[in-house]
């Protein structure tokens, strides 16, 4: 079983740990990975209209080749190697 929790630091408390223990009861061993999550506004609450406008704006950007990044497979491999 794999589960991802996205929580505020302030919610990481005994109640949360107890809930994890209950969810994974009798599994023996758990692997926990903690990542500092900069969401860039992705978790901001938005209305359906705001969501549709944002998606349509990104589609227009793609169609106009604006605010996009392109890589060839080789240049992407080089980029990854440089940033490992």
C-alpha atoms as a PDB file:
ATOM      1  CA  UNK A   1       0.000   0.000   0.000  1.00  0.00           C
ATOM      2  CA  UNK A   2       1.275   3.458  -0.836  1.00  0.00           C
ATOM      3  CA  UNK A   3      -0.233   6.695   0.426  1.00  0.00           C
ATOM      4  CA  UNK A   4       0.824  10.319   0.042  1.00  0.00           C
ATOM      5  CA  UNK A   5      -0.131  12.881   2.664  1.00  0.00           C
ATOM      6  CA  UNK A   6       0.254  16.588   2.005  1.00  0.00           C
ATOM      7  CA  UNK A   7      -0.068  18.344   5.345  1.00  0.00           C
ATOM      8  CA  UNK A   8       0.935  21.528   7.055  1.00  0.00           C
ATOM      9  CA  UNK A   9       3.896  21.294   9.413  1.00  0.00           C
ATOM     10  CA  UNK A  10       1.588  22.294  12.265  1.00  0.00           C
ATOM     11  CA  UNK A  11      -0.588  19.219  11.573  1.00  0.00           C
ATOM     12  CA  UNK A  12       2.330  16.834  12.086  1.00  0.00           C
ATOM     13  CA  UNK A  13       1.405  15.827  15.624  1.00  0.00           C
ATOM     14  CA  UNK A  14       0.592  12.818  17.790  1.00  0.00           C
ATOM     15  CA  UNK A  15      -2.919  12.548  16.320  1.00  0.00           C
ATOM     16  CA  UNK A  16      -1.498  12.330  12.802  1.00  0.00           C
ATOM     17  CA  UNK A  17       1.024   9.670  13.825  1.00  0.00           C
ATOM     18  CA  UNK A  18      -1.753   7.699  15.541  1.00  0.00           C
ATOM     19  CA  UNK A  19      -3.849   7.885  12.366  1.00  0.00           C
ATOM     20  CA  UNK A  20      -0.945   6.519  10.305  1.00  0.00           C
ATOM     21  CA  UNK A  21      -0.453   3.678  12.779  1.00  0.00           C
ATOM     22  CA  UNK A  22      -4.158   2.828  12.560  1.00  0.00           C
ATOM     23  CA  UNK A  23      -4.174   3.020   8.741  1.00  0.00           C
ATOM     24  CA  UNK A  24      -1.153   0.738   8.388  1.00  0.00           C
ATOM     25  CA  UNK A  25      -2.003  -1.521  11.318  1.00  0.00           C
ATOM     26  CA  UNK A  26       0.141  -4.672  11.547  1.00  0.00           C
ATOM     27  CA  UNK A  27       2.219  -3.915   8.435  1.00  0.00           C
ATOM     28  CA  UNK A  28       5.443  -4.334  10.395  1.00  0.00           C
ATOM     29  CA  UNK A  29       7.643  -1.772   8.697  1.00  0.00           C
ATOM     30  CA  UNK A  30       6.837   1.554   7.068  1.00  0.00           C
ATOM     31  CA  UNK A  31       8.994   3.765   4.893  1.00  0.00           C
ATOM     32  CA  UNK A  32       8.407   7.464   5.489  1.00  0.00           C
ATOM     33  CA  UNK A  33       9.805  10.127   3.161  1.00  0.00           C
ATOM     34  CA  UNK A  34       9.470  13.786   4.089  1.00  0.00           C
ATOM     35  CA  UNK A  35       9.821  16.470   1.437  1.00  0.00           C
ATOM     36  CA  UNK A  36       9.706  20.227   1.843  1.00  0.00           C
ATOM     37  CA  UNK A  37       6.856  21.079  -0.466  1.00  0.00           C
ATOM     38  CA  UNK A  38       6.862  24.404  -2.260  1.00  0.00           C
ATOM     39  CA  UNK A  39       3.559  24.204  -4.079  1.00  0.00           C
ATOM     40  CA  UNK A  40       3.873  27.380  -6.203  1.00  0.00           C
ATOM     41  CA  UNK A  41       0.198  28.068  -5.492  1.00  0.00           C
ATOM     42  CA  UNK A  42      -0.975  24.681  -6.755  1.00  0.00           C
ATOM     43  CA  UNK A  43      -3.056  24.053  -3.656  1.00  0.00           C
ATOM     44  CA  UNK A  44      -4.737  27.436  -3.726  1.00  0.00           C
ATOM     45  CA  UNK A  45      -8.505  27.187  -3.644  1.00  0.00           C
ATOM     46  CA  UNK A  46     -10.049  28.313  -6.912  1.00  0.00           C
ATOM     47  CA  UNK A  47     -13.503  28.310  -8.415  1.00  0.00           C
ATOM     48  CA  UNK A  48     -14.378  26.171 -11.416  1.00  0.00           C
ATOM     49  CA  UNK A  49     -14.351  29.319 -13.558  1.00  0.00           C
ATOM     50  CA  UNK A  50     -10.872  30.311 -12.326  1.00  0.00           C
ATOM     51  CA  UNK A  51      -9.619  26.786 -13.007  1.00  0.00           C
ATOM     52  CA  UNK A  52     -11.010  26.767 -16.555  1.00  0.00           C
ATOM     53  CA  UNK A  53      -9.558  30.229 -17.233  1.00  0.00           C
ATOM     54  CA  UNK A  54      -6.143  29.117 -15.952  1.00  0.00           C
ATOM     55  CA  UNK A  55      -6.161  25.962 -18.092  1.00  0.00           C
ATOM     56  CA  UNK A  56      -7.324  27.871 -21.177  1.00  0.00           C
ATOM     57  CA  UNK A  57      -4.588  30.453 -20.615  1.00  0.00           C
ATOM     58  CA  UNK A  58      -1.944  27.687 -20.491  1.00  0.00           C
ATOM     59  CA  UNK A  59      -3.372  26.145 -23.678  1.00  0.00           C
ATOM     60  CA  UNK A  60      -3.082  29.527 -25.424  1.00  0.00           C
ATOM     61  CA  UNK A  61       0.527  29.807 -24.197  1.00  0.00           C
ATOM     62  CA  UNK A  62       1.297  26.386 -25.666  1.00  0.00           C
ATOM     63  CA  UNK A  63      -0.350  27.243 -28.977  1.00  0.00           C
ATOM     64  CA  UNK A  64       1.668  30.476 -29.169  1.00  0.00           C
ATOM     65  CA  UNK A  65       4.849  28.775 -27.907  1.00  0.00           C
ATOM     66  CA  UNK A  66       4.989  31.280 -25.022  1.00  0.00           C
ATOM     67  CA  UNK A  67       6.119  30.397 -21.474  1.00  0.00           C
ATOM     68  CA  UNK A  68       7.237  26.958 -22.631  1.00  0.00           C
ATOM     69  CA  UNK A  69      10.462  25.015 -22.373  1.00  0.00           C
ATOM     70  CA  UNK A  70      11.561  22.481 -24.978  1.00  0.00           C
ATOM     71  CA  UNK A  71      14.278  19.852 -24.773  1.00  0.00           C
ATOM     72  CA  UNK A  72      15.592  17.352 -27.255  1.00  0.00           C
ATOM     73  CA  UNK A  73      16.100  13.953 -25.621  1.00  0.00           C
ATOM     74  CA  UNK A  74      19.879  14.494 -25.627  1.00  0.00           C
ATOM     75  CA  UNK A  75      19.711  18.000 -24.181  1.00  0.00           C
ATOM     76  CA  UNK A  76      17.298  16.773 -21.494  1.00  0.00           C
ATOM     77  CA  UNK A  77      19.726  13.990 -20.562  1.00  0.00           C
ATOM     78  CA  UNK A  78      22.531  16.563 -20.335  1.00  0.00           C
ATOM     79  CA  UNK A  79      20.354  18.820 -18.180  1.00  0.00           C
ATOM     80  CA  UNK A  80      19.575  15.979 -15.785  1.00  0.00           C
ATOM     81  CA  UNK A  81      23.230  14.939 -15.556  1.00  0.00           C
ATOM     82  CA  UNK A  82      24.253  18.515 -14.781  1.00  0.00           C
ATOM     83  CA  UNK A  83      21.710  18.762 -11.962  1.00  0.00           C
ATOM     84  CA  UNK A  84      22.253  15.439 -10.218  1.00  0.00           C
END
